Amino acid sequence: MLVLFAAAIMGAAVVAPAALAWSQTYEKNVVWGAGSTKISLANSITYNYVSFDNFQGGLPQMGTRLCDSSGLNCNDWRWSNTGLITDERNIAYGVASCKANAGNNYLVYVRYCATGNG
């Protein structure tokens, strides 16, 4: 009887794996100059969000993109000067990045760069 119970438990574990939702805030509450970049840990990614403020004026841009784990295959940067980027592109396994545009003439306050798959 005990053997049958153990087999049923093992079978259920194989058939119904636990959900593995993941998220990471990989930068928070910092001031960046032009060209500053931060990269997340690698994982399966379904979103990359950035919130920022032009506290010195102007219209500084921030960007997001995803790269595979080798760093060689990346999608294009998605740029914005609105203060929020909601990038819902995805990658099976790789890293997310956020960046202050190299052409920015003003510092930018980065509230957060966050990524995940849940």
PDB file of N, CA and C in Angstrom:
ATOM      1  N   MET A   1       0.825  -1.191   0.000  1.00  0.00           N
ATOM      2  CA  MET A   1       0.000   0.000   0.000  1.00  0.00           C
ATOM      3  C   MET A   1       0.869   1.254   0.000  1.00  0.00           C
ATOM      4  N   LEU A   2       1.889   1.263   0.828  1.00  0.00           N
ATOM      5  CA  LEU A   2       2.779   2.416   0.920  1.00  0.00           C
ATOM      6  C   LEU A   2       3.500   2.644  -0.412  1.00  0.00           C
ATOM      7  N   VAL A   3       3.872   1.549  -1.084  1.00  0.00           N
ATOM      8  CA  VAL A   3       4.558   1.652  -2.365  1.00  0.00           C
ATOM      9  C   VAL A   3       3.628   2.278  -3.408  1.00  0.00           C
ATOM     10  N   LEU A   4       2.365   1.890  -3.435  1.00  0.00           N
ATOM     11  CA  LEU A   4       1.404   2.464  -4.374  1.00  0.00           C
ATOM     12  C   LEU A   4       1.194   3.949  -4.109  1.00  0.00           C
ATOM     13  N   PHE A   5       1.122   4.342  -2.844  1.00  0.00           N
ATOM     14  CA  PHE A   5       0.958   5.746  -2.472  1.00  0.00           C
ATOM     15  C   PHE A   5       2.160   6.566  -2.950  1.00  0.00           C
ATOM     16  N   ALA A   6       3.363   6.052  -2.718  1.00  0.00           N
ATOM     17  CA  ALA A   6       4.585   6.738  -3.149  1.00  0.00           C
ATOM     18  C   ALA A   6       4.623   6.854  -4.673  1.00  0.00           C
ATOM     19  N   ALA A   7       4.196   5.816  -5.383  1.00  0.00           N
ATOM     20  CA  ALA A   7       4.184   5.853  -6.844  1.00  0.00           C
ATOM     21  C   ALA A   7       3.181   6.896  -7.342  1.00  0.00           C
ATOM     22  N   ALA A   8       2.034   6.999  -6.691  1.00  0.00           N
ATOM     23  CA  ALA A   8       1.035   7.999  -7.085  1.00  0.00           C
ATOM     24  C   ALA A   8       1.567   9.406  -6.883  1.00  0.00           C
ATOM     25  N   ILE A   9       2.264   9.652  -5.784  1.00  0.00           N
ATOM     26  CA  ILE A   9       2.864  10.971  -5.510  1.00  0.00           C
ATOM     27  C   ILE A   9       3.902  11.302  -6.575  1.00  0.00           C
ATOM     28  N   MET A  10       4.757  10.354  -6.893  1.00  0.00           N
ATOM     29  CA  MET A  10       5.801  10.584  -7.896  1.00  0.00           C
ATOM     30  C   MET A  10       5.181  10.843  -9.267  1.00  0.00           C
ATOM     31  N   GLY A  11       4.157  10.110  -9.620  1.00  0.00           N
ATOM     32  CA  GLY A  11       3.483  10.309 -10.896  1.00  0.00           C
ATOM     33  C   GLY A  11       2.861  11.679 -10.995  1.00  0.00           C
ATOM     34  N   ALA A  12       2.252  12.136  -9.921  1.00  0.00           N
ATOM     35  CA  ALA A  12       1.639  13.472  -9.914  1.00  0.00           C
ATOM     36  C   ALA A  12       2.695  14.549 -10.062  1.00  0.00           C
ATOM     37  N   ALA A  13       3.847  14.357  -9.460  1.00  0.00           N
ATOM     38  CA  ALA A  13       4.925  15.349  -9.548  1.00  0.00           C
ATOM     39  C   ALA A  13       5.440  15.460 -10.986  1.00  0.00           C
ATOM     40  N   VAL A  14       5.489  14.344 -11.698  1.00  0.00           N
ATOM     41  CA  VAL A  14       5.975  14.348 -13.072  1.00  0.00           C
ATOM     42  C   VAL A  14       4.944  14.988 -14.006  1.00  0.00           C
ATOM     43  N   VAL A  15       3.664  14.706 -13.789  1.00  0.00           N
ATOM     44  CA  VAL A  15       2.617  15.203 -14.670  1.00  0.00           C
ATOM     45  C   VAL A  15       2.335  16.683 -14.444  1.00  0.00           C
ATOM     46  N   ALA A  16       2.420  17.159 -13.199  1.00  0.00           N
ATOM     47  CA  ALA A  16       2.044  18.542 -12.886  1.00  0.00           C
ATOM     48  C   ALA A  16       3.203  19.295 -12.251  1.00  0.00           C
ATOM     49  N   PRO A  17       4.180  19.736 -13.066  1.00  0.00           N
ATOM     50  CA  PRO A  17       5.299  20.481 -12.491  1.00  0.00           C
ATOM     51  C   PRO A  17       4.837  21.844 -11.972  1.00  0.00           C
ATOM     52  N   ALA A  18       5.534  22.348 -10.991  1.00  0.00           N
ATOM     53  CA  ALA A  18       5.196  23.648 -10.411  1.00  0.00           C
ATOM     54  C   ALA A  18       5.517  24.764 -11.402  1.00  0.00           C
ATOM     55  N   ALA A  19       4.717  25.810 -11.368  1.00  0.00           N
ATOM     56  CA  ALA A  19       4.991  26.990 -12.196  1.00  0.00           C
ATOM     57  C   ALA A  19       6.252  27.668 -11.684  1.00  0.00           C
ATOM     58  N   LEU A  20       7.075  28.151 -12.587  1.00  0.00           N
ATOM     59  CA  LEU A  20       8.340  28.750 -12.208  1.00  0.00           C
ATOM     60  C   LEU A  20       8.388  30.228 -12.598  1.00  0.00           C
ATOM     61  N   ALA A  21       7.419  30.983 -12.165  1.00  0.00           N
ATOM     62  CA  ALA A  21       7.426  32.423 -12.439  1.00  0.00           C
ATOM     63  C   ALA A  21       8.650  33.053 -11.780  1.00  0.00           C
ATOM     64  N   TRP A  22       9.208  34.053 -12.432  1.00  0.00           N
ATOM     65  CA  TRP A  22      10.452  34.672 -12.000  1.00  0.00           C
ATOM     66  C   TRP A  22      10.395  36.153 -12.289  1.00  0.00           C
ATOM     67  N   SER A  23      10.932  36.950 -11.403  1.00  0.00           N
ATOM     68  CA  SER A  23      11.053  38.379 -11.674  1.00  0.00           C
ATOM     69  C   SER A  23      12.303  38.929 -10.986  1.00  0.00           C
ATOM     70  N   GLN A  24      12.805  40.021 -11.518  1.00  0.00           N
ATOM     71  CA  GLN A  24      13.991  40.654 -10.951  1.00  0.00           C
ATOM     72  C   GLN A  24      13.938  42.153 -11.221  1.00  0.00           C
ATOM     73  N   THR A  25      14.135  42.949 -10.184  1.00  0.00           N
ATOM     74  CA  THR A  25      14.392  44.375 -10.348  1.00  0.00           C
ATOM     75  C   THR A  25      15.912  44.492 -10.389  1.00  0.00           C
ATOM     76  N   TYR A  26      16.462  44.747 -11.561  1.00  0.00           N
ATOM     77  CA  TYR A  26      17.912  44.693 -11.716  1.00  0.00           C
ATOM     78  C   TYR A  26      18.584  46.061 -11.661  1.00  0.00           C
ATOM     79  N   GLU A  27      17.809  47.111 -11.489  1.00  0.00           N
ATOM     80  CA  GLU A  27      18.352  48.437 -11.195  1.00  0.00           C
ATOM     81  C   GLU A  27      17.254  49.239 -10.513  1.00  0.00           C
ATOM     82  N   LYS A  28      17.648  50.093  -9.556  1.00  0.00           N
ATOM     83  CA  LYS A  28      16.628  50.816  -8.796  1.00  0.00           C
ATOM     84  C   LYS A  28      17.213  52.076  -8.180  1.00  0.00           C
ATOM     85  N   ASN A  29      16.483  53.201  -8.360  1.00  0.00           N
ATOM     86  CA  ASN A  29      16.795  54.467  -7.701  1.00  0.00           C
ATOM     87  C   ASN A  29      18.239  54.923  -7.881  1.00  0.00           C
ATOM     88  N   VAL A  30      18.629  55.111  -9.124  1.00  0.00           N
ATOM     89  CA  VAL A  30      19.985  55.575  -9.446  1.00  0.00           C
ATOM     90  C   VAL A  30      19.925  56.714 -10.462  1.00  0.00           C
ATOM     91  N   VAL A  31      20.972  57.493 -10.515  1.00  0.00           N
ATOM     92  CA  VAL A  31      21.109  58.554 -11.509  1.00  0.00           C
ATOM     93  C   VAL A  31      22.147  58.087 -12.528  1.00  0.00           C
ATOM     94  N   TRP A  32      21.758  58.130 -13.796  1.00  0.00           N
ATOM     95  CA  TRP A  32      22.625  57.664 -14.863  1.00  0.00           C
ATOM     96  C   TRP A  32      23.010  58.789 -15.802  1.00  0.00           C
ATOM     97  N   GLY A  33      24.251  58.701 -16.275  1.00  0.00           N
ATOM     98  CA  GLY A  33      24.707  59.554 -17.358  1.00  0.00           C
ATOM     99  C   GLY A  33      24.479  58.856 -18.683  1.00  0.00           C
ATOM    100  N   ALA A  34      24.762  59.576 -19.759  1.00  0.00           N
ATOM    101  CA  ALA A  34      24.588  59.038 -21.111  1.00  0.00           C
ATOM    102  C   ALA A  34      25.366  57.735 -21.285  1.00  0.00           C
ATOM    103  N   GLY A  35      24.709  56.727 -21.861  1.00  0.00           N
ATOM    104  CA  GLY A  35      25.351  55.454 -22.163  1.00  0.00           C
ATOM    105  C   GLY A  35      25.366  54.434 -21.037  1.00  0.00           C
ATOM    106  N   SER A  36      24.923  54.802 -19.843  1.00  0.00           N
ATOM    107  CA  SER A  36      24.905  53.841 -18.726  1.00  0.00           C
ATOM    108  C   SER A  36      23.968  52.683 -19.049  1.00  0.00           C
ATOM    109  N   THR A  37      24.377  51.473 -18.656  1.00  0.00           N
ATOM    110  CA  THR A  37      23.622  50.254 -18.975  1.00  0.00           C
ATOM    111  C   THR A  37      23.639  49.305 -17.794  1.00  0.00           C
ATOM    112  N   LYS A  38      22.571  48.543 -17.652  1.00  0.00           N
ATOM    113  CA  LYS A  38      22.516  47.478 -16.647  1.00  0.00           C
ATOM    114  C   LYS A  38      21.886  46.256 -17.301  1.00  0.00           C
ATOM    115  N   ILE A  39      22.368  45.062 -16.914  1.00  0.00           N
ATOM    116  CA  ILE A  39      21.890  43.800 -17.488  1.00  0.00           C
ATOM    117  C   ILE A  39      21.377  42.908 -16.365  1.00  0.00           C
ATOM    118  N   SER A  40      20.267  42.219 -16.635  1.00  0.00           N
ATOM    119  CA  SER A  40      19.652  41.328 -15.650  1.00  0.00           C
ATOM    120  C   SER A  40      20.377  39.986 -15.605  1.00  0.00           C
ATOM    121  N   LEU A  41      19.956  39.165 -14.667  1.00  0.00           N
ATOM    122  CA  LEU A  41      20.350  37.762 -14.660  1.00  0.00           C
ATOM    123  C   LEU A  41      19.671  37.064 -15.833  1.00  0.00           C
ATOM    124  N   ALA A  42      20.192  35.915 -16.248  1.00  0.00           N
ATOM    125  CA  ALA A  42      19.604  35.170 -17.368  1.00  0.00           C
ATOM    126  C   ALA A  42      18.454  34.295 -16.891  1.00  0.00           C
ATOM    127  N   ASN A  43      17.418  34.228 -17.729  1.00  0.00           N
ATOM    128  CA  ASN A  43      16.275  33.369 -17.459  1.00  0.00           C
ATOM    129  C   ASN A  43      15.351  33.440 -18.673  1.00  0.00           C
ATOM    130  N   SER A  44      14.220  32.769 -18.596  1.00  0.00           N
ATOM    131  CA  SER A  44      13.157  32.926 -19.587  1.00  0.00           C
ATOM    132  C   SER A  44      12.496  34.270 -19.309  1.00  0.00           C
ATOM    133  N   ILE A  45      12.339  35.115 -20.334  1.00  0.00           N
ATOM    134  CA  ILE A  45      11.870  36.485 -20.116  1.00  0.00           C
ATOM    135  C   ILE A  45      10.674  36.780 -21.021  1.00  0.00           C
ATOM    136  N   THR A  46       9.623  37.359 -20.420  1.00  0.00           N
ATOM    137  CA  THR A  46       8.440  37.760 -21.189  1.00  0.00           C
ATOM    138  C   THR A  46       8.148  39.258 -21.061  1.00  0.00           C
ATOM    139  N   TYR A  47       8.912  39.976 -20.251  1.00  0.00           N
ATOM    140  CA  TYR A  47       8.743  41.425 -20.178  1.00  0.00           C
ATOM    141  C   TYR A  47      10.010  42.086 -19.651  1.00  0.00           C
ATOM    142  N   ASN A  48      10.155  43.372 -19.983  1.00  0.00           N
ATOM    143  CA  ASN A  48      11.259  44.196 -19.501  1.00  0.00           C
ATOM    144  C   ASN A  48      10.702  45.610 -19.355  1.00  0.00           C
ATOM    145  N   TYR A  49      10.559  46.080 -18.139  1.00  0.00           N
ATOM    146  CA  TYR A  49       9.945  47.378 -17.861  1.00  0.00           C
ATOM    147  C   TYR A  49      10.981  48.348 -17.309  1.00  0.00           C
ATOM    148  N   VAL A  50      10.864  49.610 -17.700  1.00  0.00           N
ATOM    149  CA  VAL A  50      11.759  50.655 -17.213  1.00  0.00           C
ATOM    150  C   VAL A  50      10.919  51.872 -16.840  1.00  0.00           C
ATOM    151  N   SER A  51      11.201  52.440 -15.679  1.00  0.00           N
ATOM    152  CA  SER A  51      10.561  53.683 -15.257  1.00  0.00           C
ATOM    153  C   SER A  51      11.670  54.683 -14.942  1.00  0.00           C
ATOM    154  N   PHE A  52      11.546  55.916 -15.481  1.00  0.00           N
ATOM    155  CA  PHE A  52      12.609  56.909 -15.306  1.00  0.00           C
ATOM    156  C   PHE A  52      12.040  58.311 -15.318  1.00  0.00           C
ATOM    157  N   ASP A  53      12.881  59.266 -14.909  1.00  0.00           N
ATOM    158  CA  ASP A  53      12.447  60.654 -14.788  1.00  0.00           C
ATOM    159  C   ASP A  53      13.534  61.580 -15.319  1.00  0.00           C
ATOM    160  N   ASN A  54      13.115  62.626 -16.007  1.00  0.00           N
ATOM    161  CA  ASN A  54      14.044  63.636 -16.522  1.00  0.00           C
ATOM    162  C   ASN A  54      14.169  64.767 -15.486  1.00  0.00           C
ATOM    163  N   PHE A  55      14.723  64.458 -14.353  1.00  0.00           N
ATOM    164  CA  PHE A  55      14.752  65.397 -13.221  1.00  0.00           C
ATOM    165  C   PHE A  55      15.566  66.660 -13.496  1.00  0.00           C
ATOM    166  N   GLN A  56      16.404  66.672 -14.520  1.00  0.00           N
ATOM    167  CA  GLN A  56      17.174  67.865 -14.873  1.00  0.00           C
ATOM    168  C   GLN A  56      16.604  68.586 -16.088  1.00  0.00           C
ATOM    169  N   GLY A  57      15.445  68.132 -16.552  1.00  0.00           N
ATOM    170  CA  GLY A  57      14.848  68.731 -17.736  1.00  0.00           C
ATOM    171  C   GLY A  57      15.229  67.978 -18.991  1.00  0.00           C
ATOM    172  N   GLY A  58      14.890  68.551 -20.125  1.00  0.00           N
ATOM    173  CA  GLY A  58      15.183  67.910 -21.400  1.00  0.00           C
ATOM    174  C   GLY A  58      14.323  66.674 -21.608  1.00  0.00           C
ATOM    175  N   LEU A  59      14.695  65.907 -22.604  1.00  0.00           N
ATOM    176  CA  LEU A  59      13.977  64.673 -22.921  1.00  0.00           C
ATOM    177  C   LEU A  59      14.954  63.507 -23.076  1.00  0.00           C
ATOM    178  N   PRO A  60      15.641  63.128 -22.002  1.00  0.00           N
ATOM    179  CA  PRO A  60      16.567  62.002 -22.116  1.00  0.00           C
ATOM    180  C   PRO A  60      15.817  60.718 -22.452  1.00  0.00           C
ATOM    181  N   GLN A  61      16.462  59.872 -23.228  1.00  0.00           N
ATOM    182  CA  GLN A  61      15.865  58.606 -23.629  1.00  0.00           C
ATOM    183  C   GLN A  61      16.460  57.448 -22.846  1.00  0.00           C
ATOM    184  N   MET A  62      15.598  56.468 -22.580  1.00  0.00           N
ATOM    185  CA  MET A  62      16.026  55.181 -22.042  1.00  0.00           C
ATOM    186  C   MET A  62      15.592  54.123 -23.046  1.00  0.00           C
ATOM    187  N   GLY A  63      16.277  52.982 -23.017  1.00  0.00           N
ATOM    188  CA  GLY A  63      15.949  51.898 -23.931  1.00  0.00           C
ATOM    189  C   GLY A  63      15.955  50.552 -23.251  1.00  0.00           C
ATOM    190  N   THR A  64      15.272  49.586 -23.896  1.00  0.00           N
ATOM    191  CA  THR A  64      15.264  48.200 -23.427  1.00  0.00           C
ATOM    192  C   THR A  64      15.575  47.283 -24.600  1.00  0.00           C
ATOM    193  N   ARG A  65      16.110  46.131 -24.291  1.00  0.00           N
ATOM    194  CA  ARG A  65      16.277  45.067 -25.280  1.00  0.00           C
ATOM    195  C   ARG A  65      16.534  43.757 -24.568  1.00  0.00           C
ATOM    196  N   LEU A  66      16.428  42.664 -25.325  1.00  0.00           N
ATOM    197  CA  LEU A  66      16.695  41.321 -24.835  1.00  0.00           C
ATOM    198  C   LEU A  66      17.773  40.693 -25.695  1.00  0.00           C
ATOM    199  N   CYS A  67      18.626  39.886 -25.068  1.00  0.00           N
ATOM    200  CA  CYS A  67      19.671  39.154 -25.789  1.00  0.00           C
ATOM    201  C   CYS A  67      19.657  37.704 -25.333  1.00  0.00           C
ATOM    202  N   ASP A  68      20.036  36.796 -26.222  1.00  0.00           N
ATOM    203  CA  ASP A  68      20.161  35.409 -25.790  1.00  0.00           C
ATOM    204  C   ASP A  68      21.334  35.292 -24.816  1.00  0.00           C
ATOM    205  N   SER A  69      21.480  34.133 -24.216  1.00  0.00           N
ATOM    206  CA  SER A  69      22.487  33.987 -23.156  1.00  0.00           C
ATOM    207  C   SER A  69      23.924  34.159 -23.654  1.00  0.00           C
ATOM    208  N   SER A  70      24.161  34.018 -24.963  1.00  0.00           N
ATOM    209  CA  SER A  70      25.514  34.231 -25.490  1.00  0.00           C
ATOM    210  C   SER A  70      25.811  35.724 -25.613  1.00  0.00           C
ATOM    211  N   GLY A  71      24.760  36.546 -25.652  1.00  0.00           N
ATOM    212  CA  GLY A  71      24.927  37.980 -25.844  1.00  0.00           C
ATOM    213  C   GLY A  71      25.154  38.375 -27.291  1.00  0.00           C
ATOM    214  N   LEU A  72      25.132  37.401 -28.192  1.00  0.00           N
ATOM    215  CA  LEU A  72      25.405  37.670 -29.601  1.00  0.00           C
ATOM    216  C   LEU A  72      24.148  37.953 -30.414  1.00  0.00           C
ATOM    217  N   ASN A  73      23.015  37.437 -29.970  1.00  0.00           N
ATOM    218  CA  ASN A  73      21.760  37.616 -30.695  1.00  0.00           C
ATOM    219  C   ASN A  73      20.814  38.464 -29.855  1.00  0.00           C
ATOM    220  N   CYS A  74      20.671  39.719 -30.243  1.00  0.00           N
ATOM    221  CA  CYS A  74      19.861  40.673 -29.480  1.00  0.00           C
ATOM    222  C   CYS A  74      18.799  41.279 -30.383  1.00  0.00           C
ATOM    223  N   ASN A  75      17.661  41.627 -29.796  1.00  0.00           N
ATOM    224  CA  ASN A  75      16.698  42.383 -30.591  1.00  0.00           C
ATOM    225  C   ASN A  75      17.084  43.863 -30.546  1.00  0.00           C
ATOM    226  N   ASP A  76      16.417  44.672 -31.350  1.00  0.00           N
ATOM    227  CA  ASP A  76      16.724  46.102 -31.420  1.00  0.00           C
ATOM    228  C   ASP A  76      16.362  46.802 -30.112  1.00  0.00           C
ATOM    229  N   TRP A  77      17.068  47.881 -29.827  1.00  0.00           N
ATOM    230  CA  TRP A  77      16.709  48.709 -28.681  1.00  0.00           C
ATOM    231  C   TRP A  77      15.332  49.316 -28.910  1.00  0.00           C
ATOM    232  N   ARG A  78      14.525  49.365 -27.870  1.00  0.00           N
ATOM    233  CA  ARG A  78      13.235  50.065 -27.893  1.00  0.00           C
ATOM    234  C   ARG A  78      13.416  51.316 -27.038  1.00  0.00           C
ATOM    235  N   TRP A  79      13.429  52.490 -27.676  1.00  0.00           N
ATOM    236  CA  TRP A  79      13.723  53.758 -27.009  1.00  0.00           C
ATOM    237  C   TRP A  79      12.450  54.529 -26.676  1.00  0.00           C
ATOM    238  N   SER A  80      12.521  55.294 -25.580  1.00  0.00           N
ATOM    239  CA  SER A  80      11.405  56.163 -25.208  1.00  0.00           C
ATOM    240  C   SER A  80      11.930  57.323 -24.372  1.00  0.00           C
ATOM    241  N   ASN A  81      11.234  58.469 -24.472  1.00  0.00           N
ATOM    242  CA  ASN A  81      11.554  59.601 -23.598  1.00  0.00           C
ATOM    243  C   ASN A  81      10.342  59.976 -22.736  1.00  0.00           C
ATOM    244  N   THR A  82       9.373  59.069 -22.628  1.00  0.00           N
ATOM    245  CA  THR A  82       8.130  59.351 -21.902  1.00  0.00           C
ATOM    246  C   THR A  82       8.208  59.070 -20.413  1.00  0.00           C
ATOM    247  N   GLY A  83       9.237  58.358 -19.953  1.00  0.00           N
ATOM    248  CA  GLY A  83       9.356  58.030 -18.534  1.00  0.00           C
ATOM    249  C   GLY A  83       8.972  56.609 -18.191  1.00  0.00           C
ATOM    250  N   LEU A  84       8.388  55.882 -19.150  1.00  0.00           N
ATOM    251  CA  LEU A  84       7.996  54.492 -18.895  1.00  0.00           C
ATOM    252  C   LEU A  84       8.109  53.691 -20.182  1.00  0.00           C
ATOM    253  N   ILE A  85       8.730  52.537 -20.077  1.00  0.00           N
ATOM    254  CA  ILE A  85       8.789  51.602 -21.203  1.00  0.00           C
ATOM    255  C   ILE A  85       8.181  50.290 -20.723  1.00  0.00           C
ATOM    256  N   THR A  86       7.192  49.822 -21.454  1.00  0.00           N
ATOM    257  CA  THR A  86       6.573  48.523 -21.182  1.00  0.00           C
ATOM    258  C   THR A  86       6.880  47.658 -22.392  1.00  0.00           C
ATOM    259  N   ASP A  87       7.949  46.892 -22.294  1.00  0.00           N
ATOM    260  CA  ASP A  87       8.434  46.078 -23.403  1.00  0.00           C
ATOM    261  C   ASP A  87       8.048  44.630 -23.117  1.00  0.00           C
ATOM    262  N   GLU A  88       7.143  44.076 -23.926  1.00  0.00           N
ATOM    263  CA  GLU A  88       6.674  42.717 -23.674  1.00  0.00           C
ATOM    264  C   GLU A  88       7.141  41.733 -24.746  1.00  0.00           C
ATOM    265  N   ARG A  89       8.272  42.035 -25.343  1.00  0.00           N
ATOM    266  CA  ARG A  89       8.902  41.035 -26.203  1.00  0.00           C
ATOM    267  C   ARG A  89       9.401  39.915 -25.295  1.00  0.00           C
ATOM    268  N   ASN A  90       9.696  38.752 -25.856  1.00  0.00           N
ATOM    269  CA  ASN A  90      10.146  37.658 -24.991  1.00  0.00           C
ATOM    270  C   ASN A  90      11.291  36.900 -25.631  1.00  0.00           C
ATOM    271  N   ILE A  91      11.945  36.130 -24.791  1.00  0.00           N
ATOM    272  CA  ILE A  91      13.069  35.303 -25.227  1.00  0.00           C
ATOM    273  C   ILE A  91      13.055  34.033 -24.373  1.00  0.00           C
ATOM    274  N   ALA A  92      13.341  32.899 -24.988  1.00  0.00           N
ATOM    275  CA  ALA A  92      13.281  31.620 -24.273  1.00  0.00           C
ATOM    276  C   ALA A  92      14.271  31.585 -23.112  1.00  0.00           C
ATOM    277  N   TYR A  93      15.497  32.054 -23.346  1.00  0.00           N
ATOM    278  CA  TYR A  93      16.489  32.103 -22.266  1.00  0.00           C
ATOM    279  C   TYR A  93      17.509  33.156 -22.625  1.00  0.00           C
ATOM    280  N   GLY A  94      17.640  34.162 -21.778  1.00  0.00           N
ATOM    281  CA  GLY A  94      18.591  35.223 -22.056  1.00  0.00           C
ATOM    282  C   GLY A  94      18.551  36.294 -20.988  1.00  0.00           C
ATOM    283  N   VAL A  95      18.995  37.491 -21.356  1.00  0.00           N
ATOM    284  CA  VAL A  95      19.086  38.598 -20.402  1.00  0.00           C
ATOM    285  C   VAL A  95      18.316  39.800 -20.933  1.00  0.00           C
ATOM    286  N   ALA A  96      17.845  40.616 -20.001  1.00  0.00           N
ATOM    287  CA  ALA A  96      17.205  41.888 -20.315  1.00  0.00           C
ATOM    288  C   ALA A  96      18.203  42.996 -20.005  1.00  0.00           C
ATOM    289  N   SER A  97      18.100  44.104 -20.723  1.00  0.00           N
ATOM    290  CA  SER A  97      18.942  45.249 -20.401  1.00  0.00           C
ATOM    291  C   SER A  97      18.157  46.537 -20.520  1.00  0.00           C
ATOM    292  N   CYS A  98      18.618  47.515 -19.743  1.00  0.00           N
ATOM    293  CA  CYS A  98      18.093  48.873 -19.869  1.00  0.00           C
ATOM    294  C   CYS A  98      19.304  49.788 -20.021  1.00  0.00           C
ATOM    295  N   LYS A  99      19.083  50.893 -20.740  1.00  0.00           N
ATOM    296  CA  LYS A  99      20.216  51.755 -21.085  1.00  0.00           C
ATOM    297  C   LYS A  99      19.766  53.200 -21.224  1.00  0.00           C
ATOM    298  N   ALA A 100      20.606  54.114 -20.770  1.00  0.00           N
ATOM    299  CA  ALA A 100      20.422  55.538 -21.048  1.00  0.00           C
ATOM    300  C   ALA A 100      21.066  55.808 -22.401  1.00  0.00           C
ATOM    301  N   ASN A 101      20.335  56.459 -23.288  1.00  0.00           N
ATOM    302  CA  ASN A 101      20.830  56.724 -24.632  1.00  0.00           C
ATOM    303  C   ASN A 101      22.160  57.484 -24.576  1.00  0.00           C
ATOM    304  N   ALA A 102      23.116  57.056 -25.410  1.00  0.00           N
ATOM    305  CA  ALA A 102      24.444  57.682 -25.436  1.00  0.00           C
ATOM    306  C   ALA A 102      24.386  59.151 -25.856  1.00  0.00           C
ATOM    307  N   GLY A 103      23.315  59.567 -26.519  1.00  0.00           N
ATOM    308  CA  GLY A 103      23.175  60.950 -26.950  1.00  0.00           C
ATOM    309  C   GLY A 103      22.473  61.852 -25.936  1.00  0.00           C
ATOM    310  N   ASN A 104      22.118  61.316 -24.781  1.00  0.00           N
ATOM    311  CA  ASN A 104      21.439  62.144 -23.774  1.00  0.00           C
ATOM    312  C   ASN A 104      22.319  63.313 -23.348  1.00  0.00           C
ATOM    313  N   ASN A 105      21.739  64.489 -23.268  1.00  0.00           N
ATOM    314  CA  ASN A 105      22.451  65.672 -22.781  1.00  0.00           C
ATOM    315  C   ASN A 105      22.150  65.954 -21.316  1.00  0.00           C
ATOM    316  N   TYR A 106      21.310  65.146 -20.719  1.00  0.00           N
ATOM    317  CA  TYR A 106      20.905  65.335 -19.326  1.00  0.00           C
ATOM    318  C   TYR A 106      21.029  64.007 -18.588  1.00  0.00           C
ATOM    319  N   LEU A 107      21.272  64.106 -17.287  1.00  0.00           N
ATOM    320  CA  LEU A 107      21.223  62.913 -16.444  1.00  0.00           C
ATOM    321  C   LEU A 107      19.782  62.423 -16.382  1.00  0.00           C
ATOM    322  N   VAL A 108      19.610  61.143 -16.106  1.00  0.00           N
ATOM    323  CA  VAL A 108      18.278  60.558 -15.987  1.00  0.00           C
ATOM    324  C   VAL A 108      18.198  59.802 -14.661  1.00  0.00           C
ATOM    325  N   TYR A 109      17.094  59.972 -13.960  1.00  0.00           N
ATOM    326  CA  TYR A 109      16.848  59.242 -12.721  1.00  0.00           C
ATOM    327  C   TYR A 109      16.103  57.963 -13.074  1.00  0.00           C
ATOM    328  N   VAL A 110      16.720  56.818 -12.815  1.00  0.00           N
ATOM    329  CA  VAL A 110      16.121  55.514 -13.113  1.00  0.00           C
ATOM    330  C   VAL A 110      15.400  55.026 -11.862  1.00  0.00           C
ATOM    331  N   ARG A 111      14.067  54.993 -11.932  1.00  0.00           N
ATOM    332  CA  ARG A 111      13.292  54.462 -10.804  1.00  0.00           C
ATOM    333  C   ARG A 111      13.509  52.954 -10.695  1.00  0.00           C
ATOM    334  N   TYR A 112      13.388  52.253 -11.835  1.00  0.00           N
ATOM    335  CA  TYR A 112      13.651  50.820 -11.847  1.00  0.00           C
ATOM    336  C   TYR A 112      13.812  50.315 -13.268  1.00  0.00           C
ATOM    337  N   CYS A 113      14.543  49.214 -13.370  1.00  0.00           N
ATOM    338  CA  CYS A 113      14.564  48.344 -14.546  1.00  0.00           C
ATOM    339  C   CYS A 113      14.181  46.980 -13.994  1.00  0.00           C
ATOM    340  N   ALA A 114      13.122  46.380 -14.532  1.00  0.00           N
ATOM    341  CA  ALA A 114      12.610  45.124 -13.986  1.00  0.00           C
ATOM    342  C   ALA A 114      12.240  44.176 -15.116  1.00  0.00           C
ATOM    343  N   THR A 115      12.472  42.906 -14.888  1.00  0.00           N
ATOM    344  CA  THR A 115      12.173  41.885 -15.891  1.00  0.00           C
ATOM    345  C   THR A 115      11.610  40.652 -15.226  1.00  0.00           C
ATOM    346  N   GLY A 116      11.113  39.739 -16.029  1.00  0.00           N
ATOM    347  CA  GLY A 116      10.592  38.485 -15.493  1.00  0.00           C
ATOM    348  C   GLY A 116       9.807  37.730 -16.525  1.00  0.00           C
ATOM    349  N   ASN A 117       9.083  36.723 -16.051  1.00  0.00           N
ATOM    350  CA  ASN A 117       8.297  35.884 -16.963  1.00  0.00           C
ATOM    351  C   ASN A 117       6.947  35.492 -16.367  1.00  0.00           C
ATOM    352  N   GLY A 118       6.494  36.223 -15.390  1.00  0.00           N
ATOM    353  CA  GLY A 118       5.233  35.824 -14.759  1.00  0.00           C
ATOM    354  C   GLY A 118       4.177  36.885 -14.808  1.00  0.00           C
TER     355      GLY A 118
END
